[in-house]
Amino acid sequence: MIGKKKKNHCCFRDKVKNCFGLKHCSQAVSKLSKHGRCGRVRVCKVTGDRKICAKMASMGVYPGVVADIICAHTGSQCILKVNGGTISLDEQVSDNIYVTNL
């Protein structure tokens, strides 16, 4: 028992930990910045460093979440509706989010 750490069960930590997996999607996956269509999507993966992943998870964007793309222009900023809130993402951030159509 000495030297063992007690597990801290925190759902935010689990969301950040799961950002790097692709297990939530089985269809064609594309970058959010290159998606180019409005409608419902499922977030498959969030790439980048831990800071980007933690920032996205704190805003409700993590693998498995269903989001609505409200305004999408290929190669520019994107507006997402997630859990009742609206998020505006620039191209650099939306390049790190992989989605699939529902």
C-alpha atoms as a PDB file:
ATOM      1  CA  MET A   1       0.000   0.000   0.000  1.00  0.00           C
ATOM      2  CA  ILE A   2       2.919   2.330   0.521  1.00  0.00           C
ATOM      3  CA  GLY A   3       3.766   4.241  -2.619  1.00  0.00           C
ATOM      4  CA  LYS A   4       0.401   3.652  -4.318  1.00  0.00           C
ATOM      5  CA  LYS A   5      -1.485   6.723  -5.373  1.00  0.00           C
ATOM      6  CA  LYS A   6      -5.171   6.976  -4.711  1.00  0.00           C
ATOM      7  CA  LYS A   7      -7.137   7.296  -7.953  1.00  0.00           C
ATOM      8  CA  ASN A   8      -8.895  10.598  -8.314  1.00  0.00           C
ATOM      9  CA  HIS A   9     -12.035  10.116 -10.401  1.00  0.00           C
ATOM     10  CA  CYS A  10     -12.654  13.374 -12.192  1.00  0.00           C
ATOM     11  CA  CYS A  11     -14.799  13.485 -15.315  1.00  0.00           C
ATOM     12  CA  PHE A  12     -12.925  16.524 -16.690  1.00  0.00           C
ATOM     13  CA  ARG A  13      -9.644  14.601 -16.456  1.00  0.00           C
ATOM     14  CA  ASP A  14     -11.250  11.660 -18.271  1.00  0.00           C
ATOM     15  CA  LYS A  15     -12.510  13.950 -21.038  1.00  0.00           C
ATOM     16  CA  VAL A  16      -9.032  15.374 -21.561  1.00  0.00           C
ATOM     17  CA  LYS A  17      -7.507  11.900 -21.488  1.00  0.00           C
ATOM     18  CA  ASN A  18      -9.964  10.655 -24.139  1.00  0.00           C
ATOM     19  CA  CYS A  19      -9.323  13.563 -26.527  1.00  0.00           C
ATOM     20  CA  PHE A  20      -6.587  11.691 -28.311  1.00  0.00           C
ATOM     21  CA  GLY A  21      -8.623   8.583 -29.181  1.00  0.00           C
ATOM     22  CA  LEU A  22     -10.503   7.916 -32.414  1.00  0.00           C
ATOM     23  CA  LYS A  23     -12.816   5.221 -31.038  1.00  0.00           C
ATOM     24  CA  HIS A  24     -15.972   7.341 -31.292  1.00  0.00           C
ATOM     25  CA  CYS A  25     -16.225   7.349 -35.113  1.00  0.00           C
ATOM     26  CA  SER A  26     -16.385   4.620 -37.688  1.00  0.00           C
ATOM     27  CA  GLN A  27     -17.346   6.665 -40.766  1.00  0.00           C
ATOM     28  CA  ALA A  28     -15.329   9.098 -42.882  1.00  0.00           C
ATOM     29  CA  VAL A  29     -13.555  11.614 -40.641  1.00  0.00           C
ATOM     30  CA  SER A  30     -12.549  15.136 -41.695  1.00  0.00           C
ATOM     31  CA  LYS A  31     -11.083  18.220 -40.056  1.00  0.00           C
ATOM     32  CA  LEU A  32     -13.692  20.680 -38.878  1.00  0.00           C
ATOM     33  CA  SER A  33     -11.977  23.485 -40.820  1.00  0.00           C
ATOM     34  CA  LYS A  34     -12.272  21.465 -44.059  1.00  0.00           C
ATOM     35  CA  HIS A  35     -15.775  20.076 -43.412  1.00  0.00           C
ATOM     36  CA  GLY A  36     -17.495  22.949 -45.237  1.00  0.00           C
ATOM     37  CA  ARG A  37     -21.118  21.980 -44.488  1.00  0.00           C
ATOM     38  CA  CYS A  38     -23.631  23.021 -41.880  1.00  0.00           C
ATOM     39  CA  GLY A  39     -25.486  20.390 -39.882  1.00  0.00           C
ATOM     40  CA  ARG A  40     -25.032  17.889 -37.073  1.00  0.00           C
ATOM     41  CA  VAL A  41     -21.662  16.228 -36.563  1.00  0.00           C
ATOM     42  CA  ARG A  42     -20.007  13.995 -33.982  1.00  0.00           C
ATOM     43  CA  VAL A  43     -16.601  15.005 -32.623  1.00  0.00           C
ATOM     44  CA  CYS A  44     -14.206  12.091 -33.194  1.00  0.00           C
ATOM     45  CA  LYS A  45     -10.853  13.386 -32.053  1.00  0.00           C
ATOM     46  CA  VAL A  46      -9.134  16.512 -30.756  1.00  0.00           C
ATOM     47  CA  THR A  47      -5.440  16.792 -31.613  1.00  0.00           C
ATOM     48  CA  GLY A  48      -2.776  19.242 -30.566  1.00  0.00           C
ATOM     49  CA  ASP A  49      -1.102  19.746 -27.239  1.00  0.00           C
ATOM     50  CA  ARG A  50      -2.734  19.188 -23.859  1.00  0.00           C
ATOM     51  CA  LYS A  51      -3.559  22.877 -23.555  1.00  0.00           C
ATOM     52  CA  ILE A  52      -5.729  22.849 -26.695  1.00  0.00           C
ATOM     53  CA  CYS A  53      -7.402  19.604 -25.672  1.00  0.00           C
ATOM     54  CA  ALA A  54      -8.128  20.907 -22.170  1.00  0.00           C
ATOM     55  CA  LYS A  55      -9.494  24.178 -23.559  1.00  0.00           C
ATOM     56  CA  MET A  56     -11.824  22.328 -25.942  1.00  0.00           C
ATOM     57  CA  ALA A  57     -12.974  19.921 -23.208  1.00  0.00           C
ATOM     58  CA  SER A  58     -13.761  22.829 -20.885  1.00  0.00           C
ATOM     59  CA  MET A  59     -15.981  24.293 -23.634  1.00  0.00           C
ATOM     60  CA  GLY A  60     -17.735  20.945 -24.129  1.00  0.00           C
ATOM     61  CA  VAL A  61     -15.922  19.873 -27.310  1.00  0.00           C
ATOM     62  CA  TYR A  62     -14.518  16.368 -26.749  1.00  0.00           C
ATOM     63  CA  PRO A  63     -14.815  12.983 -28.528  1.00  0.00           C
ATOM     64  CA  GLY A  64     -18.322  11.570 -28.659  1.00  0.00           C
ATOM     65  CA  VAL A  65     -20.118  14.918 -28.375  1.00  0.00           C
ATOM     66  CA  VAL A  66     -22.757  15.803 -30.957  1.00  0.00           C
ATOM     67  CA  ALA A  67     -22.514  19.396 -32.197  1.00  0.00           C
ATOM     68  CA  ASP A  68     -24.328  21.568 -34.731  1.00  0.00           C
ATOM     69  CA  ILE A  69     -22.242  23.487 -37.248  1.00  0.00           C
ATOM     70  CA  ILE A  70     -24.108  26.759 -37.645  1.00  0.00           C
ATOM     71  CA  CYS A  71     -21.801  28.606 -40.003  1.00  0.00           C
ATOM     72  CA  ALA A  72     -19.031  26.852 -41.879  1.00  0.00           C
ATOM     73  CA  HIS A  73     -16.715  28.271 -44.501  1.00  0.00           C
ATOM     74  CA  THR A  74     -13.998  25.945 -45.743  1.00  0.00           C
ATOM     75  CA  GLY A  75     -10.623  27.126 -44.490  1.00  0.00           C
ATOM     76  CA  SER A  76     -11.875  29.867 -42.181  1.00  0.00           C
ATOM     77  CA  GLN A  77     -13.588  30.275 -38.832  1.00  0.00           C
ATOM     78  CA  CYS A  78     -16.421  28.024 -37.760  1.00  0.00           C
ATOM     79  CA  ILE A  79     -19.347  28.456 -35.362  1.00  0.00           C
ATOM     80  CA  LEU A  80     -20.466  25.425 -33.328  1.00  0.00           C
ATOM     81  CA  LYS A  81     -23.465  24.923 -31.098  1.00  0.00           C
ATOM     82  CA  VAL A  82     -22.563  22.489 -28.298  1.00  0.00           C
ATOM     83  CA  ASN A  83     -24.738  21.686 -25.257  1.00  0.00           C
ATOM     84  CA  GLY A  84     -26.874  24.789 -25.794  1.00  0.00           C
ATOM     85  CA  GLY A  85     -23.898  27.178 -26.076  1.00  0.00           C
ATOM     86  CA  THR A  86     -22.378  28.752 -29.167  1.00  0.00           C
ATOM     87  CA  ILE A  87     -18.621  28.663 -29.775  1.00  0.00           C
ATOM     88  CA  SER A  88     -16.685  30.520 -32.455  1.00  0.00           C
ATOM     89  CA  LEU A  89     -13.474  28.752 -33.492  1.00  0.00           C
ATOM     90  CA  ASP A  90     -10.695  30.107 -35.674  1.00  0.00           C
ATOM     91  CA  GLU A  91      -8.995  28.023 -38.383  1.00  0.00           C
ATOM     92  CA  GLN A  92      -6.024  26.993 -36.215  1.00  0.00           C
ATOM     93  CA  VAL A  93      -8.274  25.544 -33.499  1.00  0.00           C
ATOM     94  CA  SER A  94     -10.755  23.937 -35.910  1.00  0.00           C
ATOM     95  CA  ASP A  95      -7.803  22.219 -37.669  1.00  0.00           C
ATOM     96  CA  ASN A  96      -7.338  20.221 -34.443  1.00  0.00           C
ATOM     97  CA  ILE A  97     -10.917  18.906 -34.313  1.00  0.00           C
ATOM     98  CA  TYR A  98     -11.927  15.867 -36.377  1.00  0.00           C
ATOM     99  CA  VAL A  99     -15.640  15.262 -37.032  1.00  0.00           C
ATOM    100  CA  THR A 100     -17.968  12.941 -38.907  1.00  0.00           C
ATOM    101  CA  ASN A 101     -21.509  13.452 -40.230  1.00  0.00           C
ATOM    102  CA  LEU A 102     -24.476  12.009 -38.372  1.00  0.00           C
END
